[in-house]
Amino acid sequence: MSQPTVALLLDIDREYREKGRAGLLARIAPRRFNPEGKAWLPVLNARHDDWHFTALFSNTERAHELHRTYDWVVIFYSDPDGDEGQATVVTERRGALTGQRVVRGREPECARYYRAAPAAPALSI
């Protein structure tokens, strides 16, 4: 099965977090770890090229234990042939990619992606 590129997954991650912060996404009430039944979890459904994506923050026990619920983004994807997969994007906390968003399990590709990306312009003060 083919997978979306790291660049595309990081774009979906960025779009999800930006639209979520801006309040532009529908919110659902997850059943787990949500005793008040609040609709707090934003969900992005998007199409890019031939891919369909659904992105949401990780609502796992581990994400809650480590206080990473609003950092870990799970992206479900499918291609036109119906093949499906998922990826998790997190903020790297160690190594050369510290502070960067990375696709877990595809760190070498992420390193190549960031090396090839043009440097962000310096902020003028």
N, C-alpha and C. Protein backbone atom coordinates (compact mmCIF):
# COMPACT_ATOMS: atom_id res chain seq x y z
N MET A 1 0.84 -1.19 0.00
CA MET A 1 0.00 0.00 0.00
C MET A 1 0.88 1.24 0.00
N SER A 2 0.49 2.21 -0.77
CA SER A 2 1.22 3.47 -0.76
C SER A 2 0.81 4.30 0.45
N GLN A 3 1.65 5.23 0.80
CA GLN A 3 1.38 6.14 1.92
C GLN A 3 1.48 7.57 1.42
N PRO A 4 0.76 8.49 2.07
CA PRO A 4 0.96 9.89 1.73
C PRO A 4 2.40 10.30 2.08
N THR A 5 2.91 11.28 1.38
CA THR A 5 4.25 11.77 1.69
C THR A 5 4.28 12.41 3.06
N VAL A 6 5.47 12.49 3.64
CA VAL A 6 5.65 13.19 4.91
C VAL A 6 5.20 14.64 4.76
N ALA A 7 5.55 15.27 3.64
CA ALA A 7 5.15 16.67 3.42
C ALA A 7 3.64 16.82 3.47
N LEU A 8 2.91 15.90 2.85
CA LEU A 8 1.45 15.98 2.85
C LEU A 8 0.89 15.74 4.25
N LEU A 9 1.41 14.76 4.97
CA LEU A 9 0.95 14.51 6.34
C LEU A 9 1.22 15.71 7.24
N LEU A 10 2.37 16.34 7.10
CA LEU A 10 2.68 17.52 7.91
C LEU A 10 1.78 18.69 7.53
N ASP A 11 1.39 18.79 6.26
CA ASP A 11 0.43 19.82 5.85
C ASP A 11 -0.94 19.58 6.48
N ILE A 12 -1.39 18.33 6.50
CA ILE A 12 -2.67 17.99 7.13
C ILE A 12 -2.60 18.32 8.62
N ASP A 13 -1.50 17.96 9.27
CA ASP A 13 -1.30 18.26 10.69
C ASP A 13 -1.39 19.76 10.94
N ARG A 14 -0.70 20.56 10.12
CA ARG A 14 -0.72 22.02 10.27
C ARG A 14 -2.13 22.56 10.07
N GLU A 15 -2.80 22.10 9.01
CA GLU A 15 -4.17 22.56 8.73
C GLU A 15 -5.09 22.22 9.90
N TYR A 16 -4.98 21.01 10.43
CA TYR A 16 -5.81 20.59 11.55
C TYR A 16 -5.59 21.48 12.77
N ARG A 17 -4.33 21.68 13.14
CA ARG A 17 -4.05 22.47 14.35
C ARG A 17 -4.45 23.93 14.17
N GLU A 18 -4.22 24.50 12.99
CA GLU A 18 -4.60 25.90 12.75
C GLU A 18 -6.12 26.07 12.78
N LYS A 19 -6.84 25.23 12.07
CA LYS A 19 -8.30 25.34 12.03
C LYS A 19 -8.91 25.00 13.38
N GLY A 20 -8.32 24.06 14.09
CA GLY A 20 -8.81 23.72 15.43
C GLY A 20 -8.67 24.89 16.39
N ARG A 21 -7.49 25.54 16.36
CA ARG A 21 -7.26 26.71 17.23
C ARG A 21 -8.22 27.84 16.90
N ALA A 22 -8.52 28.00 15.62
CA ALA A 22 -9.40 29.09 15.17
C ALA A 22 -10.88 28.77 15.39
N GLY A 23 -11.19 27.57 15.86
CA GLY A 23 -12.58 27.19 16.09
C GLY A 23 -13.36 26.91 14.81
N LEU A 24 -12.65 26.54 13.75
CA LEU A 24 -13.29 26.32 12.45
C LEU A 24 -13.69 24.88 12.18
N LEU A 25 -13.44 23.99 13.12
CA LEU A 25 -13.74 22.57 12.91
C LEU A 25 -14.90 22.12 13.80
N ALA A 26 -15.67 21.17 13.28
CA ALA A 26 -16.70 20.54 14.10
C ALA A 26 -16.02 19.82 15.26
N ARG A 27 -16.70 19.75 16.39
CA ARG A 27 -16.15 19.07 17.57
C ARG A 27 -17.06 17.91 17.94
N ILE A 28 -16.43 16.83 18.38
CA ILE A 28 -17.19 15.67 18.82
C ILE A 28 -16.92 15.43 20.31
N ALA A 29 -17.81 14.65 20.91
CA ALA A 29 -17.66 14.27 22.32
C ALA A 29 -17.17 12.83 22.37
N PRO A 30 -15.87 12.63 22.60
CA PRO A 30 -15.38 11.25 22.66
C PRO A 30 -15.97 10.51 23.85
N ARG A 31 -16.11 9.22 23.72
CA ARG A 31 -16.67 8.41 24.82
C ARG A 31 -15.65 8.18 25.91
N ARG A 32 -14.38 8.03 25.53
CA ARG A 32 -13.33 7.72 26.51
C ARG A 32 -12.74 9.01 27.07
N PHE A 33 -12.40 8.97 28.35
CA PHE A 33 -11.72 10.08 29.03
C PHE A 33 -12.49 11.39 28.89
N ASN A 34 -13.79 11.32 28.97
CA ASN A 34 -14.64 12.49 28.81
C ASN A 34 -15.88 12.34 29.69
N PRO A 35 -15.67 12.33 31.02
CA PRO A 35 -16.79 12.05 31.93
C PRO A 35 -17.94 13.05 31.82
N GLU A 36 -17.65 14.28 31.40
CA GLU A 36 -18.71 15.29 31.29
C GLU A 36 -19.44 15.23 29.95
N GLY A 37 -18.94 14.41 29.04
CA GLY A 37 -19.59 14.28 27.74
C GLY A 37 -19.49 15.52 26.87
N LYS A 38 -18.45 16.33 27.08
CA LYS A 38 -18.29 17.57 26.32
C LYS A 38 -17.78 17.29 24.90
N ALA A 39 -18.25 18.10 23.97
CA ALA A 39 -17.76 18.04 22.59
C ALA A 39 -16.53 18.93 22.51
N TRP A 40 -15.37 18.36 22.79
CA TRP A 40 -14.13 19.14 22.85
C TRP A 40 -13.14 18.77 21.74
N LEU A 41 -13.34 17.63 21.08
CA LEU A 41 -12.34 17.10 20.16
C LEU A 41 -12.63 17.54 18.72
N PRO A 42 -11.82 18.49 18.19
CA PRO A 42 -12.04 18.92 16.81
C PRO A 42 -11.67 17.82 15.82
N VAL A 43 -12.40 17.77 14.71
CA VAL A 43 -12.16 16.75 13.68
C VAL A 43 -12.07 17.45 12.32
N LEU A 44 -11.01 17.11 11.58
CA LEU A 44 -10.82 17.62 10.23
C LEU A 44 -11.04 16.48 9.24
N ASN A 45 -11.88 16.72 8.25
CA ASN A 45 -12.02 15.82 7.11
C ASN A 45 -11.56 16.62 5.90
N ALA A 46 -10.61 16.07 5.16
CA ALA A 46 -10.04 16.82 4.04
C ALA A 46 -9.69 15.87 2.90
N ARG A 47 -9.64 16.44 1.70
CA ARG A 47 -9.17 15.73 0.51
C ARG A 47 -8.00 16.52 -0.06
N HIS A 48 -6.94 15.81 -0.37
CA HIS A 48 -5.79 16.40 -1.04
C HIS A 48 -5.33 15.41 -2.08
N ASP A 49 -5.18 15.89 -3.31
CA ASP A 49 -4.85 15.00 -4.42
C ASP A 49 -5.90 13.88 -4.42
N ASP A 50 -5.48 12.65 -4.42
CA ASP A 50 -6.43 11.53 -4.42
C ASP A 50 -6.66 10.95 -3.03
N TRP A 51 -6.13 11.60 -2.01
CA TRP A 51 -6.21 11.08 -0.65
C TRP A 51 -7.38 11.69 0.11
N HIS A 52 -7.99 10.89 0.98
CA HIS A 52 -8.97 11.40 1.95
C HIS A 52 -8.35 11.27 3.33
N PHE A 53 -8.49 12.33 4.14
CA PHE A 53 -7.89 12.36 5.48
C PHE A 53 -8.93 12.70 6.53
N THR A 54 -8.78 12.10 7.70
CA THR A 54 -9.48 12.51 8.91
C THR A 54 -8.42 12.68 9.98
N ALA A 55 -8.39 13.86 10.59
CA ALA A 55 -7.37 14.15 11.61
C ALA A 55 -8.05 14.55 12.91
N LEU A 56 -7.48 14.10 14.02
CA LEU A 56 -7.96 14.47 15.34
C LEU A 56 -6.86 14.27 16.37
N PHE A 57 -6.98 14.98 17.49
CA PHE A 57 -6.02 14.79 18.57
C PHE A 57 -6.16 13.39 19.13
N SER A 58 -5.05 12.84 19.58
CA SER A 58 -5.05 11.50 20.17
C SER A 58 -5.79 11.55 21.51
N ASN A 59 -6.77 10.69 21.67
CA ASN A 59 -7.53 10.62 22.92
C ASN A 59 -7.24 9.30 23.62
N THR A 60 -5.98 8.90 23.61
CA THR A 60 -5.59 7.64 24.25
C THR A 60 -5.23 7.86 25.71
N GLU A 61 -5.24 6.78 26.46
CA GLU A 61 -4.82 6.85 27.85
C GLU A 61 -3.40 7.40 27.96
N ARG A 62 -2.52 6.94 27.09
CA ARG A 62 -1.12 7.38 27.12
C ARG A 62 -0.99 8.87 26.83
N ALA A 63 -1.73 9.37 25.87
CA ALA A 63 -1.70 10.81 25.56
C ALA A 63 -2.15 11.62 26.76
N HIS A 64 -3.17 11.16 27.46
CA HIS A 64 -3.64 11.86 28.65
C HIS A 64 -2.60 11.78 29.77
N GLU A 65 -2.02 10.59 29.99
CA GLU A 65 -1.01 10.42 31.04
C GLU A 65 0.17 11.37 30.85
N LEU A 66 0.60 11.54 29.61
CA LEU A 66 1.78 12.36 29.31
C LEU A 66 1.43 13.81 29.00
N HIS A 67 0.16 14.17 29.13
CA HIS A 67 -0.31 15.53 28.85
C HIS A 67 0.05 15.94 27.42
N ARG A 68 -0.18 15.03 26.48
CA ARG A 68 0.12 15.30 25.07
C ARG A 68 -1.15 15.27 24.21
N THR A 69 -2.29 15.33 24.88
CA THR A 69 -3.56 15.23 24.17
C THR A 69 -3.68 16.29 23.08
N TYR A 70 -3.18 17.50 23.33
CA TYR A 70 -3.28 18.57 22.34
C TYR A 70 -2.01 18.69 21.51
N ASP A 71 -1.16 17.68 21.55
CA ASP A 71 0.05 17.67 20.74
C ASP A 71 0.00 16.53 19.72
N TRP A 72 -0.37 15.35 20.15
CA TRP A 72 -0.37 14.19 19.27
C TRP A 72 -1.59 14.24 18.35
N VAL A 73 -1.34 14.23 17.06
CA VAL A 73 -2.42 14.26 16.07
C VAL A 73 -2.41 12.94 15.31
N VAL A 74 -3.55 12.27 15.32
CA VAL A 74 -3.70 11.01 14.58
C VAL A 74 -4.39 11.34 13.26
N ILE A 75 -3.78 10.89 12.17
CA ILE A 75 -4.32 11.14 10.84
C ILE A 75 -4.65 9.80 10.19
N PHE A 76 -5.92 9.61 9.90
CA PHE A 76 -6.38 8.42 9.18
C PHE A 76 -6.45 8.81 7.70
N TYR A 77 -6.04 7.91 6.83
CA TYR A 77 -6.06 8.24 5.40
C TYR A 77 -6.50 7.04 4.58
N SER A 78 -7.03 7.35 3.40
CA SER A 78 -7.38 6.30 2.44
C SER A 78 -7.11 6.83 1.03
N ASP A 79 -6.81 5.90 0.14
CA ASP A 79 -6.55 6.26 -1.25
C ASP A 79 -7.74 5.82 -2.11
N PRO A 80 -7.75 6.17 -3.39
CA PRO A 80 -8.91 5.83 -4.24
C PRO A 80 -9.19 4.34 -4.35
N ASP A 81 -8.18 3.50 -4.12
CA ASP A 81 -8.38 2.05 -4.19
C ASP A 81 -9.00 1.49 -2.92
N GLY A 82 -9.19 2.35 -1.91
CA GLY A 82 -9.77 1.90 -0.66
C GLY A 82 -8.75 1.43 0.36
N ASP A 83 -7.47 1.50 0.01
CA ASP A 83 -6.44 1.15 1.00
C ASP A 83 -6.42 2.22 2.08
N GLU A 84 -6.27 1.79 3.33
CA GLU A 84 -6.33 2.70 4.47
C GLU A 84 -5.10 2.56 5.34
N GLY A 85 -4.83 3.61 6.09
CA GLY A 85 -3.73 3.59 7.04
C GLY A 85 -3.89 4.74 8.02
N GLN A 86 -2.92 4.85 8.90
CA GLN A 86 -2.94 5.97 9.83
C GLN A 86 -1.51 6.35 10.17
N ALA A 87 -1.38 7.60 10.61
CA ALA A 87 -0.08 8.13 11.02
C ALA A 87 -0.31 8.99 12.25
N THR A 88 0.70 9.10 13.08
CA THR A 88 0.65 9.98 14.24
C THR A 88 1.74 11.03 14.10
N VAL A 89 1.36 12.29 14.25
CA VAL A 89 2.30 13.40 14.16
C VAL A 89 2.44 14.01 15.55
N VAL A 90 3.68 14.20 15.98
CA VAL A 90 3.97 14.70 17.32
C VAL A 90 5.06 15.76 17.24
N THR A 91 5.22 16.52 18.32
CA THR A 91 6.36 17.41 18.45
C THR A 91 7.51 16.60 19.01
N GLU A 92 8.61 16.53 18.27
CA GLU A 92 9.77 15.75 18.71
C GLU A 92 10.37 16.40 19.95
N ARG A 93 10.73 15.57 20.92
CA ARG A 93 11.25 16.08 22.19
C ARG A 93 12.71 15.76 22.42
N ARG A 94 13.36 15.09 21.46
CA ARG A 94 14.79 14.79 21.64
C ARG A 94 15.46 14.66 20.27
N GLY A 95 16.76 14.75 20.27
CA GLY A 95 17.52 14.56 19.04
C GLY A 95 17.54 15.78 18.14
N ALA A 96 18.00 15.55 16.92
CA ALA A 96 18.20 16.63 15.96
C ALA A 96 16.89 17.32 15.55
N LEU A 97 15.77 16.64 15.70
CA LEU A 97 14.48 17.21 15.29
C LEU A 97 13.70 17.81 16.46
N THR A 98 14.34 18.01 17.60
CA THR A 98 13.66 18.56 18.77
C THR A 98 12.90 19.83 18.39
N GLY A 99 11.63 19.86 18.79
CA GLY A 99 10.79 21.02 18.53
C GLY A 99 10.07 20.98 17.19
N GLN A 100 10.44 20.06 16.32
CA GLN A 100 9.80 19.95 15.01
C GLN A 100 8.64 18.95 15.08
N ARG A 101 7.67 19.14 14.20
CA ARG A 101 6.59 18.18 14.06
C ARG A 101 7.12 17.02 13.22
N VAL A 102 6.93 15.79 13.69
CA VAL A 102 7.42 14.61 12.98
C VAL A 102 6.33 13.55 12.89
N VAL A 103 6.40 12.76 11.84
CA VAL A 103 5.51 11.62 11.66
C VAL A 103 6.21 10.44 12.32
N ARG A 104 5.62 9.91 13.38
CA ARG A 104 6.22 8.79 14.11
C ARG A 104 6.44 7.61 13.17
N GLY A 105 7.64 7.02 13.27
CA GLY A 105 8.01 5.90 12.43
C GLY A 105 8.62 6.32 11.10
N ARG A 106 8.55 7.61 10.80
CA ARG A 106 9.10 8.11 9.53
C ARG A 106 10.07 9.27 9.80
N GLU A 107 10.76 9.20 10.94
CA GLU A 107 11.67 10.26 11.34
C GLU A 107 12.76 10.55 10.32
N PRO A 108 13.39 9.52 9.70
CA PRO A 108 14.41 9.83 8.69
C PRO A 108 13.85 10.66 7.52
N GLU A 109 12.63 10.33 7.09
CA GLU A 109 12.00 11.11 6.02
C GLU A 109 11.72 12.54 6.48
N CYS A 110 11.33 12.69 7.74
CA CYS A 110 11.07 14.03 8.29
C CYS A 110 12.36 14.84 8.32
N ALA A 111 13.46 14.21 8.71
CA ALA A 111 14.76 14.90 8.73
C ALA A 111 15.10 15.39 7.33
N ARG A 112 14.91 14.55 6.31
CA ARG A 112 15.18 14.96 4.93
C ARG A 112 14.24 16.09 4.51
N TYR A 113 12.99 16.01 4.92
CA TYR A 113 12.01 17.05 4.60
C TYR A 113 12.46 18.40 5.16
N TYR A 114 12.85 18.42 6.44
CA TYR A 114 13.26 19.68 7.06
C TYR A 114 14.58 20.20 6.50
N ARG A 115 15.49 19.29 6.14
CA ARG A 115 16.75 19.74 5.52
C ARG A 115 16.49 20.40 4.17
N ALA A 116 15.51 19.90 3.44
CA ALA A 116 15.20 20.43 2.11
C ALA A 116 14.33 21.68 2.15
N ALA A 117 13.63 21.89 3.26
CA ALA A 117 12.72 23.03 3.36
C ALA A 117 13.51 24.32 3.44
N PRO A 118 13.05 25.36 2.74
CA PRO A 118 13.76 26.64 2.84
C PRO A 118 13.65 27.18 4.27
N ALA A 119 14.70 27.83 4.71
CA ALA A 119 14.71 28.40 6.06
C ALA A 119 13.64 29.47 6.16
N ALA A 120 12.99 29.52 7.31
CA ALA A 120 11.98 30.55 7.55
C ALA A 120 12.68 31.91 7.65
N PRO A 121 12.05 32.96 7.15
CA PRO A 121 12.69 34.27 7.24
C PRO A 121 12.83 34.69 8.70
N ALA A 122 13.89 35.40 8.99
CA ALA A 122 14.12 35.88 10.36
C ALA A 122 13.07 36.93 10.69
N LEU A 123 12.64 36.93 11.93
CA LEU A 123 11.68 37.93 12.38
C LEU A 123 12.39 39.25 12.61
N SER A 124 11.81 40.31 12.13
CA SER A 124 12.41 41.63 12.39
C SER A 124 11.80 42.18 13.67
N ILE A 125 12.65 42.77 14.46
CA ILE A 125 12.19 43.28 15.77
C ILE A 125 12.16 44.78 15.75
